[in-house]
Amino acid sequence: MDTKDKILRQVRTKYGGGTRRLSVDKNFKSEDLLKKATDLFFPGGMSPKGPLEYFTRGLLDYKSHKCEFDVTVSEMYDSSALTTLRFYLS
């Protein structure tokens, strides 16, 4: 989220963002997905935008709503009825 105007902005691949496709166990919880995304986009605690400690992180669902941390991937499939889940690291 851009802190100046409070708008979510996509980070392009050449700036350390982009889309990744992962397969995870259905018992994974949102907090596990957040950790995995953090490891991908902040390898060694660093990204092209700066060190991890400069950022407040969260995980958003396909509707840009915050994900509950105790919900499993299986429960998210059931509640959304989607064939592929998409999440966003914010």
C-alpha atoms as a PDB file:
ATOM      1  CA  MET A   1       0.000   0.000   0.000  1.00  0.00           C
ATOM      2  CA  ASP A   2       1.315   3.419  -0.910  1.00  0.00           C
ATOM      3  CA  THR A   3       1.375   5.262   2.431  1.00  0.00           C
ATOM      4  CA  LYS A   4       0.951   8.649   0.754  1.00  0.00           C
ATOM      5  CA  ASP A   5      -2.443   7.983  -0.826  1.00  0.00           C
ATOM      6  CA  LYS A   6      -3.482   4.656   0.824  1.00  0.00           C
ATOM      7  CA  ILE A   7      -3.837   2.861  -2.515  1.00  0.00           C
ATOM      8  CA  LEU A   8      -2.659  -0.681  -3.184  1.00  0.00           C
ATOM      9  CA  ARG A   9      -0.133  -0.728  -6.016  1.00  0.00           C
ATOM     10  CA  GLN A  10       1.275  -3.674  -7.887  1.00  0.00           C
ATOM     11  CA  VAL A  11       5.044  -4.136  -7.742  1.00  0.00           C
ATOM     12  CA  ARG A  12       6.338  -5.265 -11.117  1.00  0.00           C
ATOM     13  CA  THR A  13       8.710  -8.213 -11.458  1.00  0.00           C
ATOM     14  CA  LYS A  14      11.725  -6.068 -12.344  1.00  0.00           C
ATOM     15  CA  TYR A  15      11.284  -4.249  -9.007  1.00  0.00           C
ATOM     16  CA  GLY A  16      11.075  -7.447  -6.956  1.00  0.00           C
ATOM     17  CA  GLY A  17       7.336  -8.135  -7.214  1.00  0.00           C
ATOM     18  CA  GLY A  18       5.357 -10.046  -9.786  1.00  0.00           C
ATOM     19  CA  THR A  19       3.288 -13.202  -9.693  1.00  0.00           C
ATOM     20  CA  ARG A  20       4.428 -16.570  -8.372  1.00  0.00           C
ATOM     21  CA  ARG A  21       2.615 -19.889  -8.712  1.00  0.00           C
ATOM     22  CA  LEU A  22       2.947 -22.220  -5.717  1.00  0.00           C
ATOM     23  CA  SER A  23       1.522 -25.560  -4.716  1.00  0.00           C
ATOM     24  CA  VAL A  24       0.943 -25.956  -0.998  1.00  0.00           C
ATOM     25  CA  ASP A  25      -0.740 -28.489   1.240  1.00  0.00           C
ATOM     26  CA  LYS A  26      -4.457 -27.897   1.878  1.00  0.00           C
ATOM     27  CA  ASN A  27      -3.700 -27.775   5.609  1.00  0.00           C
ATOM     28  CA  PHE A  28      -1.526 -24.670   5.155  1.00  0.00           C
ATOM     29  CA  LYS A  29      -2.905 -21.703   7.059  1.00  0.00           C
ATOM     30  CA  SER A  30      -2.834 -18.074   5.975  1.00  0.00           C
ATOM     31  CA  GLU A  31       0.067 -17.378   8.326  1.00  0.00           C
ATOM     32  CA  ASP A  32       2.055 -20.143   6.561  1.00  0.00           C
ATOM     33  CA  LEU A  33       1.281 -18.533   3.192  1.00  0.00           C
ATOM     34  CA  LEU A  34       2.401 -15.144   4.514  1.00  0.00           C
ATOM     35  CA  LYS A  35       5.710 -16.636   5.659  1.00  0.00           C
ATOM     36  CA  LYS A  36       6.238 -18.355   2.305  1.00  0.00           C
ATOM     37  CA  ALA A  37       5.452 -15.136   0.397  1.00  0.00           C
ATOM     38  CA  THR A  38       7.768 -13.131   2.651  1.00  0.00           C
ATOM     39  CA  ASP A  39      10.592 -15.603   2.008  1.00  0.00           C
ATOM     40  CA  LEU A  40       9.987 -15.348  -1.755  1.00  0.00           C
ATOM     41  CA  PHE A  41       9.808 -11.572  -2.025  1.00  0.00           C
ATOM     42  CA  PHE A  42      12.321 -10.754   0.720  1.00  0.00           C
ATOM     43  CA  PRO A  43      15.118 -13.317   0.273  1.00  0.00           C
ATOM     44  CA  GLY A  44      17.587 -12.866   3.091  1.00  0.00           C
ATOM     45  CA  GLY A  45      15.275 -10.209   4.566  1.00  0.00           C
ATOM     46  CA  MET A  46      15.875  -7.811   1.670  1.00  0.00           C
ATOM     47  CA  SER A  47      13.988  -6.679  -1.447  1.00  0.00           C
ATOM     48  CA  PRO A  48      14.802  -4.072  -4.111  1.00  0.00           C
ATOM     49  CA  LYS A  49      12.428  -1.751  -2.193  1.00  0.00           C
ATOM     50  CA  GLY A  50      14.357  -2.122   1.078  1.00  0.00           C
ATOM     51  CA  PRO A  51      14.839  -4.346   4.128  1.00  0.00           C
ATOM     52  CA  LEU A  52      11.976  -6.378   5.576  1.00  0.00           C
ATOM     53  CA  GLU A  53      11.882  -4.346   8.797  1.00  0.00           C
ATOM     54  CA  TYR A  54      10.765  -1.264   6.819  1.00  0.00           C
ATOM     55  CA  PHE A  55       7.505  -2.981   5.894  1.00  0.00           C
ATOM     56  CA  THR A  56       4.270  -3.963   7.586  1.00  0.00           C
ATOM     57  CA  ARG A  57       3.091  -7.130   5.856  1.00  0.00           C
ATOM     58  CA  GLY A  58      -0.262  -8.741   5.378  1.00  0.00           C
ATOM     59  CA  LEU A  59      -1.948 -11.301   3.159  1.00  0.00           C
ATOM     60  CA  LEU A  60      -4.960 -10.346   1.050  1.00  0.00           C
ATOM     61  CA  ASP A  61      -7.385 -12.649  -0.730  1.00  0.00           C
ATOM     62  CA  TYR A  62      -8.705 -12.311  -4.291  1.00  0.00           C
ATOM     63  CA  LYS A  63     -11.158  -9.610  -3.106  1.00  0.00           C
ATOM     64  CA  SER A  64      -8.330  -7.636  -1.443  1.00  0.00           C
ATOM     65  CA  HIS A  65      -9.679  -8.523   2.010  1.00  0.00           C
ATOM     66  CA  LYS A  66      -7.307  -9.399   4.849  1.00  0.00           C
ATOM     67  CA  CYS A  67      -6.996 -13.149   5.357  1.00  0.00           C
ATOM     68  CA  GLU A  68      -7.762 -14.644   8.748  1.00  0.00           C
ATOM     69  CA  PHE A  69      -4.616 -16.352  10.069  1.00  0.00           C
ATOM     70  CA  ASP A  70      -6.310 -19.497  11.396  1.00  0.00           C
ATOM     71  CA  VAL A  71      -8.092 -20.413   8.123  1.00  0.00           C
ATOM     72  CA  THR A  72      -6.685 -23.277   6.046  1.00  0.00           C
ATOM     73  CA  VAL A  73      -6.280 -23.371   2.265  1.00  0.00           C
ATOM     74  CA  SER A  74      -8.915 -26.132   2.176  1.00  0.00           C
ATOM     75  CA  GLU A  75     -11.426 -23.897   4.003  1.00  0.00           C
ATOM     76  CA  MET A  76     -10.641 -21.037   1.612  1.00  0.00           C
ATOM     77  CA  TYR A  77     -11.344 -23.291  -1.386  1.00  0.00           C
ATOM     78  CA  ASP A  78     -14.645 -24.348   0.180  1.00  0.00           C
ATOM     79  CA  SER A  79     -15.793 -20.817   1.004  1.00  0.00           C
ATOM     80  CA  SER A  80     -14.771 -19.234  -2.313  1.00  0.00           C
ATOM     81  CA  ALA A  81     -15.727 -22.065  -4.721  1.00  0.00           C
ATOM     82  CA  LEU A  82     -12.764 -21.054  -6.911  1.00  0.00           C
ATOM     83  CA  THR A  83     -10.615 -23.564  -8.758  1.00  0.00           C
ATOM     84  CA  THR A  84      -7.437 -21.542  -8.134  1.00  0.00           C
ATOM     85  CA  LEU A  85      -6.795 -19.335  -5.134  1.00  0.00           C
ATOM     86  CA  ARG A  86      -4.948 -16.055  -5.546  1.00  0.00           C
ATOM     87  CA  PHE A  87      -3.329 -14.139  -2.703  1.00  0.00           C
ATOM     88  CA  TYR A  88      -1.525 -10.844  -2.512  1.00  0.00           C
ATOM     89  CA  LEU A  89       1.311  -9.885  -0.205  1.00  0.00           C
ATOM     90  CA  SER A  90       0.590  -6.376   1.021  1.00  0.00           C
END
